[in-house]
Amino acid sequence: MNAMLSTADTEIFLLTGLLQKEAMRLKRAGLISLDLMSVTGARILMLVVGVSAIAAAYYVSDLIELYSWLLTALLLISPAIVGSLILRTNALAMSGSILVALAIAVVGYQMSIISLGNLYLVAIPSAIVFVLLSVAFASKEET
């Protein structure tokens, strides 16, 4: 029980910090006007994250299923994240890669081709799209 609670509070703190950084980025872009970088802002975000976690716990009673879907999300974004560490990229390559991975996963799942056991196969075409878009737009930026 202690290990589970320790993991849960760590994840809540981590998610709160990530949401604060994202809120700061959105504020700089002029998309929101809230200031969530204060201690009060962090407490508000922790409350939102905690309530969301409780709601998710009522909705998803099987933690293995929940972690499976979280790993699915990581697999869908992984080619773009790993690729951005290697290649000079842009937002279009990142978005295109993630959208291709999502489309293949959804269509493949609906056609019973893709399952949690072979979902890693989605990363291959997603990585190809990422490299093609990165290279194509990198050459246009240099000219």
Protein backbone atom coordinates (compact mmCIF):
# COMPACT_ATOMS: atom_id res chain seq x y z
CA MET A 1 0.00 0.00 0.00
CA ASN A 2 2.84 2.41 0.82
CA ALA A 3 4.49 1.76 -2.53
CA MET A 4 1.25 2.44 -4.41
CA LEU A 5 0.60 5.68 -2.53
CA SER A 6 4.19 6.80 -3.01
CA THR A 7 3.92 6.19 -6.74
CA ALA A 8 0.55 7.95 -6.90
CA ASP A 9 1.70 11.10 -5.13
CA THR A 10 4.86 11.22 -7.25
CA GLU A 11 2.76 11.03 -10.39
CA ILE A 12 0.42 13.74 -9.11
CA PHE A 13 3.37 16.06 -8.39
CA LEU A 14 4.93 15.27 -11.77
CA LEU A 15 1.71 15.89 -13.66
CA THR A 16 1.14 19.14 -11.76
CA GLY A 17 4.60 20.36 -12.75
CA LEU A 18 4.02 19.41 -16.38
CA LEU A 19 0.68 21.21 -16.40
CA GLN A 20 2.30 24.31 -14.89
CA LYS A 21 4.93 24.36 -17.64
CA GLU A 22 2.27 23.90 -20.30
CA ALA A 23 0.16 26.68 -18.75
CA MET A 24 3.19 28.97 -18.83
CA ARG A 25 3.71 28.19 -22.53
CA LEU A 26 0.02 28.83 -23.29
CA LYS A 27 0.10 32.09 -21.33
CA ARG A 28 3.13 33.30 -23.32
CA ALA A 29 1.29 32.44 -26.52
CA GLY A 30 -1.69 34.50 -25.32
CA LEU A 31 -4.07 31.54 -25.26
CA ILE A 32 -4.86 31.72 -21.54
CA SER A 33 -4.70 34.50 -18.98
CA LEU A 34 -4.46 32.44 -15.78
CA ASP A 35 -1.27 32.61 -13.74
CA LEU A 36 -0.71 29.08 -12.48
CA MET A 37 3.00 29.45 -11.69
CA SER A 38 2.36 30.55 -8.10
CA VAL A 39 2.02 28.30 -5.05
CA THR A 40 -1.74 28.84 -5.20
CA GLY A 41 -1.71 27.86 -8.88
CA ALA A 42 0.18 24.66 -8.05
CA ARG A 43 -2.33 23.82 -5.33
CA ILE A 44 -5.22 24.39 -7.72
CA LEU A 45 -3.61 22.14 -10.33
CA MET A 46 -2.91 19.46 -7.71
CA LEU A 47 -6.56 19.55 -6.71
CA VAL A 48 -7.65 19.22 -10.35
CA VAL A 49 -5.21 16.36 -10.94
CA GLY A 50 -6.29 14.60 -7.73
CA VAL A 51 -10.00 14.88 -8.52
CA SER A 52 -9.31 13.70 -12.08
CA ALA A 53 -7.40 10.69 -10.71
CA ILE A 54 -10.30 9.80 -8.41
CA ALA A 55 -12.74 10.11 -11.33
CA ALA A 56 -10.49 7.92 -13.49
CA ALA A 57 -10.29 5.33 -10.69
CA TYR A 58 -14.08 5.08 -10.63
CA TYR A 59 -14.24 4.84 -14.41
CA VAL A 60 -11.38 2.34 -14.83
CA SER A 61 -11.39 -0.34 -12.17
CA ASP A 62 -8.67 -2.44 -13.83
CA LEU A 63 -5.25 -0.82 -13.41
CA ILE A 64 -3.67 -3.14 -15.97
CA GLU A 65 -6.07 -1.82 -18.61
CA LEU A 66 -5.28 1.76 -17.59
CA TYR A 67 -1.52 1.20 -17.79
CA SER A 68 -1.98 -0.56 -21.14
CA TRP A 69 -3.64 2.56 -22.54
CA LEU A 70 -0.94 4.79 -21.05
CA LEU A 71 1.73 2.65 -22.70
CA THR A 72 -0.24 2.88 -25.95
CA ALA A 73 -0.08 6.66 -25.77
CA LEU A 74 3.67 6.48 -25.17
CA LEU A 75 4.12 4.19 -28.17
CA LEU A 76 2.17 6.59 -30.39
CA ILE A 77 4.35 9.58 -29.53
CA SER A 78 7.67 7.77 -29.15
CA PRO A 79 8.88 8.02 -32.79
CA ALA A 80 8.41 11.80 -32.71
CA ILE A 81 10.09 12.17 -29.32
CA VAL A 82 13.06 9.92 -30.08
CA GLY A 83 13.39 11.37 -33.59
CA SER A 84 13.48 14.92 -32.27
CA LEU A 85 16.54 13.98 -30.23
CA ILE A 86 18.35 12.84 -33.38
CA LEU A 87 17.11 15.10 -36.19
CA ARG A 88 16.50 18.79 -36.47
CA THR A 89 12.74 18.90 -36.79
CA ASN A 90 9.68 21.11 -36.80
CA ALA A 91 6.12 21.02 -35.52
CA LEU A 92 4.74 19.62 -38.78
CA ALA A 93 7.02 16.57 -38.62
CA MET A 94 6.12 15.99 -34.97
CA SER A 95 2.38 16.39 -35.55
CA GLY A 96 2.41 14.38 -38.77
CA SER A 97 4.22 11.49 -37.11
CA ILE A 98 1.82 11.39 -34.16
CA LEU A 99 -1.27 11.69 -36.39
CA VAL A 100 -0.06 8.87 -38.66
CA ALA A 101 0.58 6.66 -35.62
CA LEU A 102 -2.85 7.47 -34.21
CA ALA A 103 -4.62 6.84 -37.52
CA ILE A 104 -2.86 3.50 -38.05
CA ALA A 105 -3.57 2.43 -34.47
CA VAL A 106 -7.27 3.32 -34.65
CA VAL A 107 -7.88 1.81 -38.09
CA GLY A 108 -5.79 -1.26 -37.28
CA TYR A 109 -7.58 -1.76 -33.99
CA GLN A 110 -11.00 -1.42 -35.65
CA MET A 111 -9.99 -3.96 -38.32
CA SER A 112 -8.62 -6.31 -35.61
CA ILE A 113 -5.11 -6.10 -37.09
CA ILE A 114 -3.54 -4.10 -34.26
CA SER A 115 -3.76 -5.23 -30.63
CA LEU A 116 -1.84 -4.34 -27.50
CA GLY A 117 0.49 -7.23 -28.30
CA ASN A 118 1.66 -5.84 -31.64
CA LEU A 119 1.05 -2.13 -31.19
CA TYR A 120 4.78 -1.49 -31.46
CA LEU A 121 4.39 -2.00 -35.24
CA VAL A 122 2.65 1.38 -35.42
CA ALA A 123 5.95 3.06 -34.55
CA ILE A 124 7.61 1.96 -37.80
CA PRO A 125 5.46 3.94 -40.31
CA SER A 126 5.23 6.79 -37.83
CA ALA A 127 9.05 6.97 -37.65
CA ILE A 128 9.28 6.90 -41.46
CA VAL A 129 6.82 9.80 -41.77
CA PHE A 130 8.75 11.70 -39.10
CA VAL A 131 12.07 11.29 -40.92
CA LEU A 132 10.58 12.19 -44.32
CA LEU A 133 8.87 15.33 -43.03
CA SER A 134 11.92 16.39 -41.00
CA VAL A 135 14.27 15.97 -43.94
CA ALA A 136 11.87 17.62 -46.40
CA PHE A 137 11.30 20.68 -44.28
CA ALA A 138 14.90 20.91 -43.06
CA SER A 139 16.08 21.22 -46.67
CA LYS A 140 13.47 23.95 -47.36
CA GLU A 141 14.57 25.92 -44.26
CA GLU A 142 18.22 25.82 -45.35
CA THR A 143 17.50 27.20 -48.85
